[in-house]
Amino acid sequence: MKKSLKVIIVVVIVLATLGSTAISAVTLSNQSKLAETVGEIRKTQEQAAEEAARAQEFSEDGVMIASRYEIRSTLQISDAYKSGDRSGLNDADKETLDMASAVIKDVITDGMSDYEKEIAIYTYLTKNMTGNAGALNLLSDSTGEYYTPHDVLKYKSAVCVGYATTFRMFMQMMDIECMVVHSTELSHSWDLIHLDDGWYHTDCYSDSGTGNFYNFNMNDSRCSMGHDWERDNYPAAEGTKYDYALSVCETIDDIYALPEWYLSKIDERVSVMSCVFKEKITDENAAIASQLVNTLQNDTMNDHFYSSFFWEDKGEEGYALCILVSYNDNGYNEENELYV
């Protein structure tokens, strides 16, 4: 009897010990998970605080480009346009509002999407305004400074700040979210526009005189090929739906049909082109495709035009090859319609 009691006592002690150990393990596990959760919350709070601090320090307006041209807000003009109340505007702003309203009336029609409105304003600015070196000319201009929407619309000439602030003003007048971006070196400015699937970079100044969509609706990756900016200060441009290079995409048979297609586009003086292939680019043929593209780029590079080649993912359609071409009109041969 005593022996059985001892056995029972030992079993109870063992079970109690195991239970205590199991409880301790569960407690430690819960404490560990709680610590991880608290750590994640603290990290999120710290990141939010850092972003808030950066946002407080950063302002797209009030920045001097090339130590001469100030990026200025025009919200007073866009607000007056939308409200119909112009009583708070000075004479210059009233004149700006009148000129901008006339442009909108002329190029914007009912039923246009935000993207179509953007194209209309981009086309108007790049085709009707003259790019002004501005910062490269230390002499003051007698007719205007070309960096405010007033002078841009009145004198039909603009430095980069003029294009950027005028484009932003038009977008804000039409309730399209838009920001002015300035380069890290404070030597250039352009715009970020938000459409229904995300943000895009558009640089009207760089396309002035041509309106060739070379710098129109770029994502961060493509924009970084010719621009440099502090990315932490701006939303990421990751939109794809309205990327102009992809919107003009054509389908050709395979990678071996690329040279003939590309040269035909050069003959037509196309500046932005892209294509996907019926025989899609896969891991197996990617090396051949890259080699052929590199060879084509090297063999056609000359003083009369320069091409930039890059790949973009089009989902189910496979990878698209996008090509941007800059032409030198001095090398154009009208007899055979080719740059030679």
C-alpha atoms as a PDB file:
ATOM      1  CA  MET A   1       0.000   0.000   0.000  1.00  0.00           C
ATOM      2  CA  LYS A   2       2.758   2.378   0.944  1.00  0.00           C
ATOM      3  CA  LYS A   3       4.623   1.468  -2.218  1.00  0.00           C
ATOM      4  CA  SER A   4       1.555   2.220  -4.358  1.00  0.00           C
ATOM      5  CA  LEU A   5       1.103   5.560  -2.595  1.00  0.00           C
ATOM      6  CA  LYS A   6       4.699   6.450  -3.319  1.00  0.00           C
ATOM      7  CA  VAL A   7       4.243   5.569  -6.964  1.00  0.00           C
ATOM      8  CA  ILE A   8       1.135   7.722  -7.143  1.00  0.00           C
ATOM      9  CA  ILE A   9       2.927  10.627  -5.476  1.00  0.00           C
ATOM     10  CA  VAL A  10       5.866  10.308  -7.901  1.00  0.00           C
ATOM     11  CA  VAL A  11       3.503  10.210 -10.890  1.00  0.00           C
ATOM     12  CA  VAL A  12       1.647  13.287  -9.626  1.00  0.00           C
ATOM     13  CA  ILE A  13       4.945  15.135  -9.139  1.00  0.00           C
ATOM     14  CA  VAL A  14       6.128  14.163 -12.629  1.00  0.00           C
ATOM     15  CA  LEU A  15       2.855  15.218 -14.213  1.00  0.00           C
ATOM     16  CA  ALA A  16       2.904  18.474 -12.276  1.00  0.00           C
ATOM     17  CA  THR A  17       6.463  19.082 -13.399  1.00  0.00           C
ATOM     18  CA  LEU A  18       5.616  18.320 -17.026  1.00  0.00           C
ATOM     19  CA  GLY A  19       2.564  20.550 -16.819  1.00  0.00           C
ATOM     20  CA  SER A  20       4.607  23.328 -15.307  1.00  0.00           C
ATOM     21  CA  THR A  21       7.225  22.905 -18.007  1.00  0.00           C
ATOM     22  CA  ALA A  22       4.584  22.952 -20.734  1.00  0.00           C
ATOM     23  CA  ILE A  23       2.980  26.051 -19.229  1.00  0.00           C
ATOM     24  CA  SER A  24       6.384  27.705 -19.004  1.00  0.00           C
ATOM     25  CA  ALA A  25       7.076  26.843 -22.652  1.00  0.00           C
ATOM     26  CA  VAL A  26       3.733  28.282 -23.734  1.00  0.00           C
ATOM     27  CA  THR A  27       4.335  31.373 -21.614  1.00  0.00           C
ATOM     28  CA  LEU A  28       7.797  31.861 -23.083  1.00  0.00           C
ATOM     29  CA  SER A  29       6.428  31.378 -26.589  1.00  0.00           C
ATOM     30  CA  ASN A  30       3.675  33.929 -25.975  1.00  0.00           C
ATOM     31  CA  GLN A  31       6.150  36.347 -24.429  1.00  0.00           C
ATOM     32  CA  SER A  32       8.424  35.932 -27.445  1.00  0.00           C
ATOM     33  CA  LYS A  33       5.559  36.602 -29.882  1.00  0.00           C
ATOM     34  CA  LEU A  34       4.472  39.580 -27.788  1.00  0.00           C
ATOM     35  CA  ALA A  35       8.019  40.952 -27.844  1.00  0.00           C
ATOM     36  CA  GLU A  36       8.163  40.534 -31.627  1.00  0.00           C
ATOM     37  CA  THR A  37       4.814  42.310 -32.018  1.00  0.00           C
ATOM     38  CA  VAL A  38       5.909  45.149 -29.742  1.00  0.00           C
ATOM     39  CA  GLY A  39       9.165  45.374 -31.694  1.00  0.00           C
ATOM     40  CA  GLU A  40       7.320  45.574 -35.006  1.00  0.00           C
ATOM     41  CA  ILE A  41       4.951  48.235 -33.634  1.00  0.00           C
ATOM     42  CA  ARG A  42       7.892  50.235 -32.304  1.00  0.00           C
ATOM     43  CA  LYS A  43       9.700  49.930 -35.651  1.00  0.00           C
ATOM     44  CA  THR A  44       6.579  51.049 -37.529  1.00  0.00           C
ATOM     45  CA  GLN A  45       6.176  54.003 -35.177  1.00  0.00           C
ATOM     46  CA  GLU A  46       9.830  54.971 -35.620  1.00  0.00           C
ATOM     47  CA  GLN A  47       9.519  54.764 -39.421  1.00  0.00           C
ATOM     48  CA  ALA A  48       6.340  56.851 -39.327  1.00  0.00           C
ATOM     49  CA  ALA A  49       8.082  59.424 -37.135  1.00  0.00           C
ATOM     50  CA  GLU A  50      11.034  59.566 -39.528  1.00  0.00           C
ATOM     51  CA  GLU A  51       8.731  59.987 -42.535  1.00  0.00           C
ATOM     52  CA  ALA A  52       6.770  62.700 -40.731  1.00  0.00           C
ATOM     53  CA  ALA A  53      10.005  64.503 -39.868  1.00  0.00           C
ATOM     54  CA  ARG A  54      11.174  64.303 -43.493  1.00  0.00           C
ATOM     55  CA  ALA A  55       7.802  65.549 -44.704  1.00  0.00           C
ATOM     56  CA  GLN A  56       7.975  68.453 -42.273  1.00  0.00           C
ATOM     57  CA  GLU A  57      11.464  69.370 -43.435  1.00  0.00           C
ATOM     58  CA  PHE A  58      10.692  68.922 -47.147  1.00  0.00           C
ATOM     59  CA  SER A  59       8.660  71.277 -49.293  1.00  0.00           C
ATOM     60  CA  GLU A  60       8.352  71.187 -53.068  1.00  0.00           C
ATOM     61  CA  ASP A  61       7.786  74.952 -53.099  1.00  0.00           C
ATOM     62  CA  GLY A  62      10.215  77.658 -52.042  1.00  0.00           C
ATOM     63  CA  VAL A  63      13.168  75.782 -53.563  1.00  0.00           C
ATOM     64  CA  MET A  64      15.654  77.699 -55.728  1.00  0.00           C
ATOM     65  CA  ILE A  65      16.775  75.967 -58.914  1.00  0.00           C
ATOM     66  CA  ALA A  66      20.146  76.996 -60.344  1.00  0.00           C
ATOM     67  CA  SER A  67      20.266  79.582 -57.521  1.00  0.00           C
ATOM     68  CA  ARG A  68      17.879  81.731 -59.562  1.00  0.00           C
ATOM     69  CA  TYR A  69      14.456  80.221 -60.260  1.00  0.00           C
ATOM     70  CA  GLU A  70      12.086  79.644 -57.369  1.00  0.00           C
ATOM     71  CA  ILE A  71       9.464  76.899 -57.396  1.00  0.00           C
ATOM     72  CA  ARG A  72       6.311  78.738 -56.309  1.00  0.00           C
ATOM     73  CA  SER A  73       2.849  77.528 -55.381  1.00  0.00           C
ATOM     74  CA  THR A  74      -0.027  78.449 -57.696  1.00  0.00           C
ATOM     75  CA  LEU A  75      -2.798  77.010 -55.546  1.00  0.00           C
ATOM     76  CA  GLN A  76      -4.386  80.451 -55.314  1.00  0.00           C
ATOM     77  CA  ILE A  77      -4.942  80.321 -59.083  1.00  0.00           C
ATOM     78  CA  SER A  78      -6.219  76.732 -59.276  1.00  0.00           C
ATOM     79  CA  ASP A  79      -8.489  77.320 -56.258  1.00  0.00           C
ATOM     80  CA  ALA A  80      -9.919  80.461 -57.893  1.00  0.00           C
ATOM     81  CA  TYR A  81     -10.543  78.516 -61.121  1.00  0.00           C
ATOM     82  CA  LYS A  82     -12.455  75.777 -59.312  1.00  0.00           C
ATOM     83  CA  SER A  83     -14.425  78.088 -57.004  1.00  0.00           C
ATOM     84  CA  GLY A  84     -15.079  80.850 -59.504  1.00  0.00           C
ATOM     85  CA  ASP A  85     -13.977  83.396 -56.913  1.00  0.00           C
ATOM     86  CA  ARG A  86     -11.044  85.486 -58.164  1.00  0.00           C
ATOM     87  CA  SER A  87     -11.408  88.295 -55.635  1.00  0.00           C
ATOM     88  CA  GLY A  88      -8.283  87.244 -53.745  1.00  0.00           C
ATOM     89  CA  LEU A  89      -5.989  87.317 -56.782  1.00  0.00           C
ATOM     90  CA  ASN A  90      -3.593  90.097 -57.710  1.00  0.00           C
ATOM     91  CA  ASP A  91      -3.510  91.454 -61.271  1.00  0.00           C
ATOM     92  CA  ALA A  92      -0.768  89.080 -62.452  1.00  0.00           C
ATOM     93  CA  ASP A  93      -2.592  86.040 -61.038  1.00  0.00           C
ATOM     94  CA  LYS A  94      -5.861  87.173 -62.648  1.00  0.00           C
ATOM     95  CA  GLU A  95      -4.100  87.431 -66.007  1.00  0.00           C
ATOM     96  CA  THR A  96      -2.569  83.975 -65.458  1.00  0.00           C
ATOM     97  CA  LEU A  97      -5.990  82.543 -64.629  1.00  0.00           C
ATOM     98  CA  ASP A  98      -7.479  84.062 -67.794  1.00  0.00           C
ATOM     99  CA  MET A  99      -4.709  82.661 -70.009  1.00  0.00           C
ATOM    100  CA  ALA A 100      -4.830  79.216 -68.386  1.00  0.00           C
ATOM    101  CA  SER A 101      -8.633  79.075 -68.577  1.00  0.00           C
ATOM    102  CA  ALA A 102      -8.462  79.855 -72.298  1.00  0.00           C
ATOM    103  CA  VAL A 103      -6.007  76.984 -72.836  1.00  0.00           C
ATOM    104  CA  ILE A 104      -8.220  74.525 -70.958  1.00  0.00           C
ATOM    105  CA  LYS A 105     -11.240  75.646 -72.955  1.00  0.00           C
ATOM    106  CA  ASP A 106      -9.270  75.131 -76.158  1.00  0.00           C
ATOM    107  CA  VAL A 107      -7.646  71.717 -75.544  1.00  0.00           C
ATOM    108  CA  ILE A 108      -9.844  69.973 -72.955  1.00  0.00           C
ATOM    109  CA  THR A 109     -13.210  68.483 -73.874  1.00  0.00           C
ATOM    110  CA  ASP A 110     -15.992  66.880 -71.836  1.00  0.00           C
ATOM    111  CA  GLY A 111     -15.541  63.194 -71.133  1.00  0.00           C
ATOM    112  CA  MET A 112     -11.751  63.213 -71.257  1.00  0.00           C
ATOM    113  CA  SER A 113      -9.995  60.917 -68.785  1.00  0.00           C
ATOM    114  CA  ASP A 114      -7.273  62.334 -66.532  1.00  0.00           C
ATOM    115  CA  TYR A 115      -4.713  60.677 -68.807  1.00  0.00           C
ATOM    116  CA  GLU A 116      -6.193  62.320 -71.903  1.00  0.00           C
ATOM    117  CA  LYS A 117      -6.206  65.671 -70.126  1.00  0.00           C
ATOM    118  CA  GLU A 118      -2.560  65.163 -69.207  1.00  0.00           C
ATOM    119  CA  ILE A 119      -1.643  64.390 -72.825  1.00  0.00           C
ATOM    120  CA  ALA A 120      -3.508  67.495 -74.016  1.00  0.00           C
ATOM    121  CA  ILE A 121      -1.630  69.807 -71.631  1.00  0.00           C
ATOM    122  CA  TYR A 122       1.709  68.086 -72.248  1.00  0.00           C
ATOM    123  CA  THR A 123       1.207  68.476 -76.008  1.00  0.00           C
ATOM    124  CA  TYR A 124       0.210  72.123 -75.650  1.00  0.00           C
ATOM    125  CA  LEU A 125       3.258  72.982 -73.535  1.00  0.00           C
ATOM    126  CA  THR A 126       5.840  71.016 -75.511  1.00  0.00           C
ATOM    127  CA  LYS A 127       4.590  72.152 -78.919  1.00  0.00           C
ATOM    128  CA  ASN A 128       3.723  75.795 -78.202  1.00  0.00           C
ATOM    129  CA  MET A 129       6.427  76.856 -75.755  1.00  0.00           C
ATOM    130  CA  THR A 130      10.101  77.354 -76.488  1.00  0.00           C
ATOM    131  CA  GLY A 131      12.617  75.854 -74.112  1.00  0.00           C
ATOM    132  CA  ASN A 132      14.756  78.574 -72.588  1.00  0.00           C
ATOM    133  CA  ALA A 133      18.281  77.808 -71.349  1.00  0.00           C
ATOM    134  CA  GLY A 134      17.711  80.415 -68.663  1.00  0.00           C
ATOM    135  CA  ALA A 135      20.202  79.267 -66.061  1.00  0.00           C
ATOM    136  CA  LEU A 136      22.882  79.041 -68.726  1.00  0.00           C
ATOM    137  CA  ASN A 137      22.330  82.684 -69.608  1.00  0.00           C
ATOM    138  CA  LEU A 138      23.471  84.983 -66.827  1.00  0.00           C
ATOM    139  CA  LEU A 139      21.973  88.045 -68.514  1.00  0.00           C
ATOM    140  CA  SER A 140      18.475  88.920 -67.359  1.00  0.00           C
ATOM    141  CA  ASP A 141      15.736  88.612 -69.953  1.00  0.00           C
ATOM    142  CA  SER A 142      13.917  91.791 -70.917  1.00  0.00           C
ATOM    143  CA  THR A 143      10.527  90.195 -71.563  1.00  0.00           C
ATOM    144  CA  GLY A 144      10.256  87.896 -68.570  1.00  0.00           C
ATOM    145  CA  GLU A 145      11.951  85.401 -66.305  1.00  0.00           C
ATOM    146  CA  TYR A 146      10.160  82.390 -67.833  1.00  0.00           C
ATOM    147  CA  TYR A 147       9.864  80.502 -64.549  1.00  0.00           C
ATOM    148  CA  THR A 148       6.325  81.498 -63.493  1.00  0.00           C
ATOM    149  CA  PRO A 149       3.142  80.319 -65.244  1.00  0.00           C
ATOM    150  CA  HIS A 150       2.306  83.967 -65.924  1.00  0.00           C
ATOM    151  CA  ASP A 151       5.468  84.557 -67.983  1.00  0.00           C
ATOM    152  CA  VAL A 152       5.366  81.101 -69.562  1.00  0.00           C
ATOM    153  CA  LEU A 153       1.827  81.568 -70.913  1.00  0.00           C
ATOM    154  CA  LYS A 154       2.364  85.206 -71.842  1.00  0.00           C
ATOM    155  CA  TYR A 155       5.754  84.981 -73.547  1.00  0.00           C
ATOM    156  CA  LYS A 156       5.545  81.348 -74.754  1.00  0.00           C
ATOM    157  CA  SER A 157       8.998  80.486 -73.404  1.00  0.00           C
ATOM    158  CA  ALA A 158      10.089  78.653 -70.273  1.00  0.00           C
ATOM    159  CA  VAL A 159      12.962  77.330 -68.236  1.00  0.00           C
ATOM    160  CA  CYS A 160      12.445  73.959 -66.544  1.00  0.00           C
ATOM    161  CA  VAL A 161      10.823  75.519 -63.449  1.00  0.00           C
ATOM    162  CA  GLY A 162       8.381  77.344 -65.707  1.00  0.00           C
ATOM    163  CA  TYR A 163       7.332  74.145 -67.452  1.00  0.00           C
ATOM    164  CA  ALA A 164       7.052  72.219 -64.178  1.00  0.00           C
ATOM    165  CA  THR A 165       5.003  74.795 -62.262  1.00  0.00           C
ATOM    166  CA  THR A 166       2.769  75.565 -65.247  1.00  0.00           C
ATOM    167  CA  PHE A 167       2.061  71.865 -65.865  1.00  0.00           C
ATOM    168  CA  ARG A 168       1.317  71.380 -62.149  1.00  0.00           C
ATOM    169  CA  MET A 169      -1.006  74.413 -62.146  1.00  0.00           C
ATOM    170  CA  PHE A 170      -3.023  72.973 -65.048  1.00  0.00           C
ATOM    171  CA  MET A 171      -3.274  69.580 -63.335  1.00  0.00           C
ATOM    172  CA  GLN A 172      -4.412  71.155 -60.055  1.00  0.00           C
ATOM    173  CA  MET A 173      -6.998  73.247 -61.916  1.00  0.00           C
ATOM    174  CA  MET A 174      -8.456  69.953 -63.178  1.00  0.00           C
ATOM    175  CA  ASP A 175      -8.215  68.196 -59.778  1.00  0.00           C
ATOM    176  CA  ILE A 176      -5.382  65.876 -60.856  1.00  0.00           C
ATOM    177  CA  GLU A 177      -2.803  65.327 -58.125  1.00  0.00           C
ATOM    178  CA  CYS A 178       0.608  66.605 -59.186  1.00  0.00           C
ATOM    179  CA  MET A 179       3.937  67.556 -57.588  1.00  0.00           C
ATOM    180  CA  VAL A 180       7.036  69.403 -58.751  1.00  0.00           C
ATOM    181  CA  VAL A 181      10.224  67.356 -58.374  1.00  0.00           C
ATOM    182  CA  HIS A 182      13.659  68.936 -58.222  1.00  0.00           C
ATOM    183  CA  SER A 183      16.975  67.255 -58.889  1.00  0.00           C
ATOM    184  CA  THR A 184      19.410  66.437 -56.117  1.00  0.00           C
ATOM    185  CA  GLU A 185      21.811  69.098 -57.400  1.00  0.00           C
ATOM    186  CA  LEU A 186      19.001  71.707 -57.615  1.00  0.00           C
ATOM    187  CA  SER A 187      19.736  72.146 -61.306  1.00  0.00           C
ATOM    188  CA  HIS A 188      16.509  70.829 -62.848  1.00  0.00           C
ATOM    189  CA  SER A 189      12.812  70.327 -62.092  1.00  0.00           C
ATOM    190  CA  TRP A 190       9.942  68.294 -63.551  1.00  0.00           C
ATOM    191  CA  ASP A 191       6.609  66.794 -62.430  1.00  0.00           C
ATOM    192  CA  LEU A 192       5.126  63.766 -60.712  1.00  0.00           C
ATOM    193  CA  ILE A 193       1.511  63.095 -61.645  1.00  0.00           C
ATOM    194  CA  HIS A 194      -0.893  60.641 -60.016  1.00  0.00           C
ATOM    195  CA  LEU A 195      -3.262  58.708 -62.279  1.00  0.00           C
ATOM    196  CA  ASP A 196      -5.628  55.907 -61.320  1.00  0.00           C
ATOM    197  CA  ASP A 197      -2.939  53.224 -61.016  1.00  0.00           C
ATOM    198  CA  GLY A 198      -0.093  55.201 -59.477  1.00  0.00           C
ATOM    199  CA  TRP A 199       2.502  57.931 -59.944  1.00  0.00           C
ATOM    200  CA  TYR A 200       4.448  58.867 -63.097  1.00  0.00           C
ATOM    201  CA  HIS A 201       7.257  61.305 -63.914  1.00  0.00           C
ATOM    202  CA  THR A 202       6.683  63.785 -66.770  1.00  0.00           C
ATOM    203  CA  ASP A 203       9.337  66.265 -67.916  1.00  0.00           C
ATOM    204  CA  CYS A 204       7.851  68.780 -70.375  1.00  0.00           C
ATOM    205  CA  TYR A 205      11.021  70.876 -70.513  1.00  0.00           C
ATOM    206  CA  SER A 206      13.132  67.993 -71.801  1.00  0.00           C
ATOM    207  CA  ASP A 207      10.555  67.310 -74.535  1.00  0.00           C
ATOM    208  CA  SER A 208      10.018  70.963 -75.459  1.00  0.00           C
ATOM    209  CA  GLY A 209       9.887  71.651 -79.175  1.00  0.00           C
ATOM    210  CA  THR A 210       9.233  68.013 -80.046  1.00  0.00           C
ATOM    211  CA  GLY A 211       6.451  66.643 -77.852  1.00  0.00           C
ATOM    212  CA  ASN A 212       7.850  63.210 -78.687  1.00  0.00           C
ATOM    213  CA  PHE A 213       6.798  61.615 -75.346  1.00  0.00           C
ATOM    214  CA  TYR A 214      10.432  60.718 -74.657  1.00  0.00           C
ATOM    215  CA  ASN A 215      10.104  61.939 -71.051  1.00  0.00           C
ATOM    216  CA  PHE A 216       6.382  61.360 -70.623  1.00  0.00           C
ATOM    217  CA  ASN A 217       4.892  59.165 -67.860  1.00  0.00           C
ATOM    218  CA  MET A 218       8.076  57.452 -66.752  1.00  0.00           C
ATOM    219  CA  ASN A 219       8.402  55.122 -63.794  1.00  0.00           C
ATOM    220  CA  ASP A 220      11.259  55.620 -61.319  1.00  0.00           C
ATOM    221  CA  SER A 221      13.501  53.190 -63.163  1.00  0.00           C
ATOM    222  CA  ARG A 222      13.184  54.852 -66.558  1.00  0.00           C
ATOM    223  CA  CYS A 223      13.270  58.360 -65.114  1.00  0.00           C
ATOM    224  CA  SER A 224      16.539  57.582 -63.328  1.00  0.00           C
ATOM    225  CA  MET A 225      18.184  57.036 -66.722  1.00  0.00           C
ATOM    226  CA  GLY A 226      18.345  60.819 -67.124  1.00  0.00           C
ATOM    227  CA  HIS A 227      17.259  62.316 -63.802  1.00  0.00           C
ATOM    228  CA  ASP A 228      18.468  62.238 -60.213  1.00  0.00           C
ATOM    229  CA  TRP A 229      16.362  63.130 -57.162  1.00  0.00           C
ATOM    230  CA  GLU A 230      15.997  62.404 -53.444  1.00  0.00           C
ATOM    231  CA  ARG A 231      13.526  59.529 -53.631  1.00  0.00           C
ATOM    232  CA  ASP A 232      12.637  59.616 -49.936  1.00  0.00           C
ATOM    233  CA  ASN A 233      10.996  63.008 -50.484  1.00  0.00           C
ATOM    234  CA  TYR A 234       8.565  61.806 -53.144  1.00  0.00           C
ATOM    235  CA  PRO A 235       6.109  58.940 -53.658  1.00  0.00           C
ATOM    236  CA  ALA A 236       7.441  56.040 -55.705  1.00  0.00           C
ATOM    237  CA  ALA A 237       6.474  56.174 -59.376  1.00  0.00           C
ATOM    238  CA  GLU A 238       5.413  52.602 -60.094  1.00  0.00           C
ATOM    239  CA  GLY A 239       2.466  53.065 -62.458  1.00  0.00           C
ATOM    240  CA  THR A 240       2.460  50.951 -65.621  1.00  0.00           C
ATOM    241  CA  LYS A 241      -0.964  51.419 -67.233  1.00  0.00           C
ATOM    242  CA  TYR A 242      -0.111  54.833 -68.694  1.00  0.00           C
ATOM    243  CA  ASP A 243       3.595  54.324 -69.348  1.00  0.00           C
ATOM    244  CA  TYR A 244       3.793  55.768 -72.856  1.00  0.00           C
ATOM    245  CA  ALA A 245       6.581  53.441 -73.956  1.00  0.00           C
ATOM    246  CA  LEU A 246       4.322  50.463 -73.213  1.00  0.00           C
ATOM    247  CA  SER A 247       1.142  52.055 -74.564  1.00  0.00           C
ATOM    248  CA  VAL A 248       2.575  52.086 -78.112  1.00  0.00           C
ATOM    249  CA  CYS A 249       3.688  48.460 -77.892  1.00  0.00           C
ATOM    250  CA  GLU A 250       3.515  46.337 -81.059  1.00  0.00           C
ATOM    251  CA  THR A 251       3.785  42.573 -81.552  1.00  0.00           C
ATOM    252  CA  ILE A 252       6.412  41.113 -83.866  1.00  0.00           C
ATOM    253  CA  ASP A 253       7.156  37.483 -84.681  1.00  0.00           C
ATOM    254  CA  ASP A 254      10.346  36.823 -82.737  1.00  0.00           C
ATOM    255  CA  ILE A 255      13.597  38.371 -81.619  1.00  0.00           C
ATOM    256  CA  TYR A 256      15.130  37.816 -85.075  1.00  0.00           C
ATOM    257  CA  ALA A 257      12.512  40.141 -86.629  1.00  0.00           C
ATOM    258  CA  LEU A 258      13.688  42.961 -84.353  1.00  0.00           C
ATOM    259  CA  PRO A 259      16.354  44.586 -86.626  1.00  0.00           C
ATOM    260  CA  GLU A 260      14.000  45.120 -89.564  1.00  0.00           C
ATOM    261  CA  TRP A 261      11.221  46.432 -87.303  1.00  0.00           C
ATOM    262  CA  TYR A 262      13.595  48.756 -85.445  1.00  0.00           C
ATOM    263  CA  LEU A 263      15.128  50.230 -88.614  1.00  0.00           C
ATOM    264  CA  SER A 264      11.664  50.830 -90.076  1.00  0.00           C
ATOM    265  CA  LYS A 265      10.831  52.886 -86.973  1.00  0.00           C
ATOM    266  CA  ILE A 266      14.050  54.843 -87.344  1.00  0.00           C
ATOM    267  CA  ASP A 267      13.085  55.569 -90.951  1.00  0.00           C
ATOM    268  CA  GLU A 268       9.769  56.958 -89.667  1.00  0.00           C
ATOM    269  CA  ARG A 269      11.647  59.028 -87.052  1.00  0.00           C
ATOM    270  CA  VAL A 270       9.772  57.422 -84.163  1.00  0.00           C
ATOM    271  CA  SER A 271      11.226  58.483 -80.814  1.00  0.00           C
ATOM    272  CA  VAL A 272       9.468  56.053 -78.462  1.00  0.00           C
ATOM    273  CA  MET A 273       8.802  52.468 -79.504  1.00  0.00           C
ATOM    274  CA  SER A 274       8.277  49.084 -77.898  1.00  0.00           C
ATOM    275  CA  CYS A 275       7.439  45.547 -78.908  1.00  0.00           C
ATOM    276  CA  VAL A 276       6.582  42.148 -77.550  1.00  0.00           C
ATOM    277  CA  PHE A 277       7.193  38.906 -79.377  1.00  0.00           C
ATOM    278  CA  LYS A 278       4.840  36.149 -80.464  1.00  0.00           C
ATOM    279  CA  GLU A 279       7.611  33.827 -79.349  1.00  0.00           C
ATOM    280  CA  LYS A 280       7.875  35.160 -75.819  1.00  0.00           C
ATOM    281  CA  ILE A 281      11.162  35.884 -74.106  1.00  0.00           C
ATOM    282  CA  THR A 282      11.860  33.060 -71.660  1.00  0.00           C
ATOM    283  CA  ASP A 283      14.775  32.007 -69.485  1.00  0.00           C
ATOM    284  CA  GLU A 284      15.906  29.772 -72.341  1.00  0.00           C
ATOM    285  CA  ASN A 285      16.119  32.470 -75.029  1.00  0.00           C
ATOM    286  CA  ALA A 286      16.766  35.525 -72.817  1.00  0.00           C
ATOM    287  CA  ALA A 287      20.540  35.327 -73.319  1.00  0.00           C
ATOM    288  CA  ILE A 288      20.155  35.248 -77.112  1.00  0.00           C
ATOM    289  CA  ALA A 289      17.700  38.153 -76.977  1.00  0.00           C
ATOM    290  CA  SER A 290      20.033  40.268 -74.850  1.00  0.00           C
ATOM    291  CA  GLN A 291      22.996  39.529 -77.082  1.00  0.00           C
ATOM    292  CA  LEU A 292      21.049  40.415 -80.238  1.00  0.00           C
ATOM    293  CA  VAL A 293      19.768  43.663 -78.701  1.00  0.00           C
ATOM    294  CA  ASN A 294      23.257  44.672 -77.566  1.00  0.00           C
ATOM    295  CA  THR A 295      24.645  43.958 -81.032  1.00  0.00           C
ATOM    296  CA  LEU A 296      21.854  45.960 -82.681  1.00  0.00           C
ATOM    297  CA  GLN A 297      22.414  48.910 -80.340  1.00  0.00           C
ATOM    298  CA  ASN A 298      26.168  48.945 -80.933  1.00  0.00           C
ATOM    299  CA  ASP A 299      25.921  48.516 -84.705  1.00  0.00           C
ATOM    300  CA  THR A 300      23.402  51.331 -85.173  1.00  0.00           C
ATOM    301  CA  MET A 301      24.972  53.866 -82.810  1.00  0.00           C
ATOM    302  CA  ASN A 302      26.221  56.934 -84.691  1.00  0.00           C
ATOM    303  CA  ASP A 303      26.255  60.738 -84.647  1.00  0.00           C
ATOM    304  CA  HIS A 304      22.790  61.052 -86.159  1.00  0.00           C
ATOM    305  CA  PHE A 305      20.685  59.230 -83.592  1.00  0.00           C
ATOM    306  CA  TYR A 306      21.190  57.509 -80.256  1.00  0.00           C
ATOM    307  CA  SER A 307      19.015  54.718 -78.847  1.00  0.00           C
ATOM    308  CA  SER A 308      18.450  53.467 -75.314  1.00  0.00           C
ATOM    309  CA  PHE A 309      17.148  49.899 -74.962  1.00  0.00           C
ATOM    310  CA  PHE A 310      15.477  48.473 -71.835  1.00  0.00           C
ATOM    311  CA  TRP A 311      13.068  45.679 -70.906  1.00  0.00           C
ATOM    312  CA  GLU A 312       9.683  46.032 -69.159  1.00  0.00           C
ATOM    313  CA  ASP A 313       7.450  43.240 -67.852  1.00  0.00           C
ATOM    314  CA  LYS A 314       3.984  43.228 -69.488  1.00  0.00           C
ATOM    315  CA  GLY A 315       2.633  40.312 -67.482  1.00  0.00           C
ATOM    316  CA  GLU A 316       0.853  37.736 -69.639  1.00  0.00           C
ATOM    317  CA  GLU A 317       2.244  39.317 -72.803  1.00  0.00           C
ATOM    318  CA  GLY A 318       5.783  38.665 -71.640  1.00  0.00           C
ATOM    319  CA  TYR A 319       8.695  41.078 -71.595  1.00  0.00           C
ATOM    320  CA  ALA A 320       8.493  44.128 -73.841  1.00  0.00           C
ATOM    321  CA  LEU A 321      11.576  45.697 -75.378  1.00  0.00           C
ATOM    322  CA  CYS A 322      11.324  49.488 -75.096  1.00  0.00           C
ATOM    323  CA  ILE A 323      13.506  51.788 -77.186  1.00  0.00           C
ATOM    324  CA  LEU A 324      14.001  55.535 -76.822  1.00  0.00           C
ATOM    325  CA  VAL A 325      15.640  57.362 -79.727  1.00  0.00           C
ATOM    326  CA  SER A 326      17.195  60.837 -79.775  1.00  0.00           C
ATOM    327  CA  TYR A 327      17.657  62.258 -83.258  1.00  0.00           C
ATOM    328  CA  ASN A 328      20.191  64.770 -84.528  1.00  0.00           C
ATOM    329  CA  ASP A 329      18.429  66.643 -87.334  1.00  0.00           C
ATOM    330  CA  ASN A 330      21.758  67.667 -88.815  1.00  0.00           C
ATOM    331  CA  GLY A 331      22.238  64.103 -89.930  1.00  0.00           C
ATOM    332  CA  TYR A 332      18.893  63.638 -91.642  1.00  0.00           C
ATOM    333  CA  ASN A 333      19.074  62.738 -95.319  1.00  0.00           C
ATOM    334  CA  GLU A 334      15.832  63.832 -97.040  1.00  0.00           C
ATOM    335  CA  GLU A 335      16.638  61.899-100.216  1.00  0.00           C
ATOM    336  CA  ASN A 336      16.423  58.465 -98.654  1.00  0.00           C
ATOM    337  CA  GLU A 337      14.556  59.508 -95.489  1.00  0.00           C
ATOM    338  CA  LEU A 338      17.090  57.889 -93.219  1.00  0.00           C
ATOM    339  CA  TYR A 339      19.564  59.075 -90.642  1.00  0.00           C
ATOM    340  CA  VAL A 340      22.871  57.973 -92.101  1.00  0.00           C
END
